[in-house]
Amino acid sequence: MCEYCKPEIRSDQNIILENEHCMFLQLNEQDIEGSGIIVPRQHRETVFDLTQDEWNATYQLLQEVKSYMDERYQPDGYNVGWNCGEIGGQHVFHAHMHVLPRYADEPMAGKGIRYLFKSKENRRKTKGKLT
């Protein structure tokens, strides 16, 4: 059973905000203060499977989530993103948008989503050359 289709199956997961097509979930124990995910109510494996109505509802809920986070956590910035597929870092195969508030006093402040991917260690070898 999918933990995002049925968020109540995890006692540490809370629905904070919701609309007709999606929910904003937070865990009681979070790695990043205030972080959470927006998930469609219907099971969709990746962001590429969302309907137009789900896209629109996700956008609407994202605006509400930002207002909620601004008021409750006062972050200094945000990272927002989707992981798609196993190689893309997706671990639960129900589409979910990460909404990560960022704070100036974090050790990784100023490092965005692409920071890890830009490293020389992550470059692919193609035809014997680094690209």
Protein backbone atom coordinates (compact mmCIF):
# COMPACT_ATOMS: atom_id res chain seq x y z
CA MET A 1 0.00 0.00 0.00
CA CYS A 2 1.31 3.44 -0.96
CA GLU A 3 2.10 5.75 1.97
CA TYR A 4 1.16 8.81 -0.12
CA CYS A 5 -2.14 7.40 -1.38
CA LYS A 6 -3.06 6.64 2.24
CA PRO A 7 -1.07 9.10 4.38
CA GLU A 8 -2.85 7.91 7.51
CA ILE A 9 -0.92 4.61 7.41
CA ARG A 10 2.15 6.50 8.70
CA SER A 11 1.62 7.86 12.19
CA ASP A 12 4.52 10.31 11.73
CA GLN A 13 3.04 11.91 8.58
CA ASN A 14 0.58 14.80 8.75
CA ILE A 15 -1.63 16.48 6.15
CA ILE A 16 -0.99 20.19 6.71
CA LEU A 17 -2.86 21.70 3.73
CA GLU A 18 -4.97 20.15 1.00
CA ASN A 19 -7.30 20.78 -1.89
CA GLU A 20 -9.44 18.65 -4.19
CA HIS A 21 -6.50 17.13 -6.09
CA CYS A 22 -3.47 17.19 -3.78
CA MET A 23 -2.10 17.38 -0.25
CA PHE A 24 0.88 18.93 1.50
CA LEU A 25 2.44 16.38 3.87
CA GLN A 26 5.03 16.88 6.59
CA LEU A 27 6.75 14.31 8.79
CA ASN A 28 6.93 14.83 12.54
CA GLU A 29 10.71 14.34 12.38
CA GLN A 30 12.07 16.41 9.49
CA ASP A 31 15.62 16.66 8.22
CA ILE A 32 15.03 20.28 7.22
CA GLU A 33 12.79 22.35 9.48
CA GLY A 34 9.47 22.98 7.76
CA SER A 35 10.09 20.77 4.73
CA GLY A 36 7.36 18.70 3.17
CA ILE A 37 5.95 17.31 -0.05
CA ILE A 38 2.98 18.03 -2.26
CA VAL A 39 1.40 14.82 -3.58
CA PRO A 40 -1.55 14.19 -5.88
CA ARG A 41 -4.43 12.35 -4.23
CA GLN A 42 -4.60 9.91 -7.14
CA HIS A 43 -1.65 7.58 -7.54
CA ARG A 44 0.64 8.97 -10.26
CA GLU A 45 4.11 7.50 -10.52
CA THR A 46 5.95 10.67 -11.62
CA VAL A 47 5.28 14.33 -12.27
CA PHE A 48 5.00 13.47 -15.98
CA ASP A 49 1.81 11.50 -15.23
CA LEU A 50 -0.15 14.37 -13.64
CA THR A 51 -3.37 15.58 -15.27
CA GLN A 52 -3.84 19.25 -16.12
CA ASP A 53 -6.20 19.61 -13.14
CA GLU A 54 -3.56 18.09 -10.85
CA TRP A 55 -0.92 20.48 -12.23
CA ASN A 56 -3.20 23.44 -11.57
CA ALA A 57 -4.07 22.21 -8.08
CA THR A 58 -0.37 21.61 -7.31
CA TYR A 59 0.45 25.20 -8.32
CA GLN A 60 -2.40 26.54 -6.18
CA LEU A 61 -1.34 24.47 -3.18
CA LEU A 62 2.33 25.46 -3.64
CA GLN A 63 1.32 29.12 -3.24
CA GLU A 64 -0.57 28.26 -0.03
CA VAL A 65 2.38 26.20 1.25
CA LYS A 66 4.74 29.13 0.69
CA SER A 67 2.47 31.46 2.66
CA TYR A 68 2.22 28.88 5.45
CA MET A 69 6.01 28.38 5.56
CA ASP A 70 6.76 32.11 5.36
CA GLU A 71 4.52 32.73 8.36
CA ARG A 72 5.48 29.70 10.45
CA TYR A 73 9.21 29.22 9.68
CA GLN A 74 10.45 32.50 8.10
CA PRO A 75 12.92 30.83 5.71
CA ASP A 76 15.50 32.81 3.77
CA GLY A 77 14.92 30.89 0.52
CA TYR A 78 13.48 27.72 -0.97
CA ASN A 79 14.32 24.69 -3.07
CA VAL A 80 11.39 23.11 -4.89
CA GLY A 81 11.72 20.01 -7.03
CA TRP A 82 10.68 16.57 -8.22
CA ASN A 83 12.75 13.38 -8.32
CA CYS A 84 11.65 11.10 -11.15
CA GLY A 85 12.63 7.46 -11.46
CA GLU A 86 15.13 5.46 -9.46
CA ILE A 87 18.18 7.05 -11.12
CA GLY A 88 16.63 10.47 -10.54
CA GLY A 89 16.52 9.78 -6.80
CA GLN A 90 12.85 8.85 -6.44
CA HIS A 91 12.37 6.37 -3.58
CA VAL A 92 8.58 6.37 -3.25
CA PHE A 93 7.01 5.83 -6.66
CA HIS A 94 4.10 8.19 -6.15
CA ALA A 95 4.76 11.64 -7.63
CA HIS A 96 5.74 14.16 -4.97
CA MET A 97 7.10 17.71 -5.10
CA HIS A 98 9.64 18.52 -2.40
CA VAL A 99 9.23 21.96 -0.84
CA LEU A 100 12.35 22.73 1.16
CA PRO A 101 12.68 25.97 3.10
CA ARG A 102 16.28 27.14 3.31
CA TYR A 103 17.97 29.13 6.06
CA ALA A 104 20.96 31.48 6.01
CA ASP A 105 22.57 29.72 8.99
CA GLU A 106 22.67 26.26 7.31
CA PRO A 107 26.11 24.80 6.50
CA MET A 108 24.95 24.38 2.86
CA ALA A 109 23.32 27.83 2.57
CA GLY A 110 23.69 29.15 -0.96
CA LYS A 111 23.99 25.67 -2.48
CA GLY A 112 21.10 24.94 -4.82
CA ILE A 113 19.62 21.80 -6.30
CA ARG A 114 22.33 21.45 -8.93
CA TYR A 115 25.26 21.82 -6.50
CA LEU A 116 25.97 18.09 -6.21
CA PHE A 117 25.42 17.44 -9.91
CA LYS A 118 27.98 20.05 -10.98
CA SER A 119 30.88 18.30 -9.25
CA LYS A 120 33.60 16.79 -11.41
CA GLU A 121 33.03 13.46 -9.64
CA ASN A 122 29.52 13.30 -11.12
CA ARG A 123 30.47 13.88 -14.77
CA ARG A 124 29.80 11.05 -17.21
CA LYS A 125 32.46 9.65 -19.44
CA THR A 126 31.37 9.72 -23.06
CA LYS A 127 33.53 8.24 -25.82
CA GLY A 128 36.58 8.38 -23.57
CA LYS A 129 36.16 12.06 -22.68
CA LEU A 130 34.63 13.83 -19.72
CA THR A 131 31.58 15.85 -20.67
